[in-house]
């Protein structure tokens, strides 16, 4: 027993100095565990280093997962906004074409046809840019 190394420490409760075998201290530090000072106060570690490392790894994995889900949500929002802009542009194009047709302008060649303008005004007066085509919910 002459070669036993002691870990000398002071009790945090009563202040008395005492020693425990270094091996015992190291085991409690690694795996979690307790000892008592000479006055009976419990000292030690609730969790060992291994448990703390496992908890730290789990925390880091959760942080990575959170960051990944936040990135996915941001990308989904960006795609949604792009689709909204695309739909708005399509509605604007439809409105322009409806306006031109109601005024007698061909949407393909940009020529004006007076008889188309008269036809649209007399036979389809409800056909204006303010009216929505059938099935258009936007």
Protein backbone atom coordinates (compact mmCIF):
# COMPACT_ATOMS: atom_id res chain seq x y z
CA UNK A 1 0.00 0.00 0.00
CA UNK A 2 3.01 2.28 0.16
CA UNK A 3 2.69 3.05 -3.56
CA UNK A 4 -0.98 4.22 -3.36
CA UNK A 5 -1.32 7.78 -4.65
CA UNK A 6 -3.85 9.94 -2.82
CA UNK A 7 -5.89 12.75 -4.28
CA UNK A 8 -5.82 15.48 -1.63
CA UNK A 9 -8.83 17.79 -1.54
CA UNK A 10 -10.89 19.97 0.73
CA UNK A 11 -14.55 19.26 1.54
CA UNK A 12 -16.75 21.95 0.04
CA UNK A 13 -19.19 21.70 2.94
CA UNK A 14 -17.07 21.59 6.10
CA UNK A 15 -13.67 22.61 4.73
CA UNK A 16 -11.74 19.65 6.19
CA UNK A 17 -8.80 18.41 4.14
CA UNK A 18 -8.78 14.73 3.26
CA UNK A 19 -7.47 12.29 0.69
CA UNK A 20 -8.89 9.43 -1.33
CA UNK A 21 -7.04 7.04 -3.63
CA UNK A 22 -6.32 8.67 -7.02
CA UNK A 23 -7.78 5.58 -8.72
CA UNK A 24 -11.09 6.06 -6.88
CA UNK A 25 -11.18 9.76 -7.79
CA UNK A 26 -10.43 9.02 -11.47
CA UNK A 27 -13.12 6.31 -11.61
CA UNK A 28 -15.72 8.65 -10.10
CA UNK A 29 -14.71 11.37 -12.54
CA UNK A 30 -14.96 9.08 -15.58
CA UNK A 31 -18.03 7.03 -14.70
CA UNK A 32 -19.75 9.16 -12.05
CA UNK A 33 -19.71 8.24 -8.39
CA UNK A 34 -19.33 9.52 -4.84
CA UNK A 35 -17.18 9.33 -1.71
CA UNK A 36 -17.52 10.92 1.73
CA UNK A 37 -15.28 13.32 3.62
CA UNK A 38 -14.19 12.29 7.15
CA UNK A 39 -17.17 14.23 8.54
CA UNK A 40 -19.61 12.26 6.36
CA UNK A 41 -20.39 14.85 3.67
CA UNK A 42 -21.09 13.29 0.28
CA UNK A 43 -18.71 14.42 -2.48
CA UNK A 44 -18.34 13.30 -6.08
CA UNK A 45 -19.76 13.47 -9.57
CA UNK A 46 -23.37 12.75 -10.60
CA UNK A 47 -22.35 12.07 -14.19
CA UNK A 48 -19.06 10.86 -15.48
CA UNK A 49 -17.20 12.28 -18.45
CA UNK A 50 -18.57 9.55 -20.72
CA UNK A 51 -22.16 10.54 -19.94
CA UNK A 52 -21.34 14.22 -20.42
CA UNK A 53 -19.73 13.46 -23.77
CA UNK A 54 -22.78 11.46 -24.87
CA UNK A 55 -25.05 14.32 -23.85
CA UNK A 56 -22.80 16.82 -25.65
CA UNK A 57 -22.83 14.68 -28.82
CA UNK A 58 -26.61 14.39 -28.69
CA UNK A 59 -26.90 18.17 -28.23
CA UNK A 60 -24.65 18.78 -31.23
CA UNK A 61 -26.68 16.35 -33.37
CA UNK A 62 -29.90 18.11 -32.35
CA UNK A 63 -28.38 21.48 -33.26
CA UNK A 64 -27.39 20.13 -36.67
CA UNK A 65 -30.88 18.72 -37.22
CA UNK A 66 -32.44 22.04 -36.23
CA UNK A 67 -30.18 23.92 -38.64
CA UNK A 68 -31.03 21.48 -41.42
CA UNK A 69 -34.79 21.86 -40.83
CA UNK A 70 -34.45 25.64 -40.68
CA UNK A 71 -32.61 25.59 -44.03
CA UNK A 72 -35.31 23.37 -45.54
CA UNK A 73 -38.04 25.71 -44.26
CA UNK A 74 -36.22 28.76 -45.66
CA UNK A 75 -35.81 27.07 -49.06
CA UNK A 76 -39.49 26.06 -49.08
CA UNK A 77 -40.49 29.66 -48.32
CA UNK A 78 -38.26 30.91 -51.12
CA UNK A 79 -39.85 28.43 -53.55
CA UNK A 80 -43.31 29.50 -52.40
CA UNK A 81 -42.52 33.18 -52.94
CA UNK A 82 -41.08 32.41 -56.41
CA UNK A 83 -44.26 30.49 -57.33
CA UNK A 84 -46.40 33.38 -56.09
CA UNK A 85 -44.42 35.81 -58.27
CA UNK A 86 -44.74 33.46 -61.24
CA UNK A 87 -48.51 33.14 -60.74
CA UNK A 88 -48.88 36.90 -60.40
CA UNK A 89 -46.94 37.46 -63.63
CA UNK A 90 -49.13 34.90 -65.42
CA UNK A 91 -52.30 36.65 -64.19
CA UNK A 92 -50.92 39.97 -65.40
CA UNK A 93 -50.18 38.47 -68.83
CA UNK A 94 -53.71 37.07 -69.07
CA UNK A 95 -55.12 40.48 -68.14
CA UNK A 96 -53.02 42.19 -70.82
CA UNK A 97 -54.17 39.70 -73.46
CA UNK A 98 -57.83 40.06 -72.42
CA UNK A 99 -57.54 43.86 -72.62
CA UNK A 100 -55.98 43.70 -76.05
CA UNK A 101 -58.57 41.21 -77.33
CA UNK A 102 -61.44 43.32 -75.99
CA UNK A 103 -59.99 46.31 -77.92
CA UNK A 104 -59.69 44.31 -81.15
CA UNK A 105 -55.92 43.68 -81.15
CA UNK A 106 -54.68 40.26 -82.22
CA UNK A 107 -52.52 38.73 -79.43
CA UNK A 108 -50.24 37.06 -82.01
CA UNK A 109 -49.50 39.67 -84.66
CA UNK A 110 -50.50 42.88 -82.82
CA UNK A 111 -52.76 43.99 -85.69
CA UNK A 112 -55.97 45.83 -84.94
CA UNK A 113 -59.23 44.43 -86.33
CA UNK A 114 -62.11 46.86 -86.11
CA UNK A 115 -64.65 44.11 -86.69
CA UNK A 116 -63.18 42.13 -83.70
CA UNK A 117 -63.42 45.23 -81.53
CA UNK A 118 -67.06 45.76 -82.59
CA UNK A 119 -67.80 42.07 -82.10
CA UNK A 120 -66.30 42.04 -78.59
CA UNK A 121 -68.16 45.24 -77.64
CA UNK A 122 -71.54 44.08 -78.91
CA UNK A 123 -71.51 40.31 -78.32
CA UNK A 124 -69.24 40.05 -75.27
CA UNK A 125 -69.47 43.34 -73.31
CA UNK A 126 -68.73 41.50 -70.07
CA UNK A 127 -65.32 40.44 -71.45
CA UNK A 128 -62.94 42.99 -69.85
CA UNK A 129 -59.75 42.88 -67.86
CA UNK A 130 -61.78 43.22 -64.66
CA UNK A 131 -63.63 39.95 -65.26
CA UNK A 132 -61.90 36.70 -64.48
CA UNK A 133 -61.92 33.80 -66.91
CA UNK A 134 -63.75 30.63 -65.90
CA UNK A 135 -61.88 28.53 -63.36
CA UNK A 136 -59.51 31.38 -62.31
CA UNK A 137 -59.49 31.48 -58.52
CA UNK A 138 -56.47 33.79 -58.18
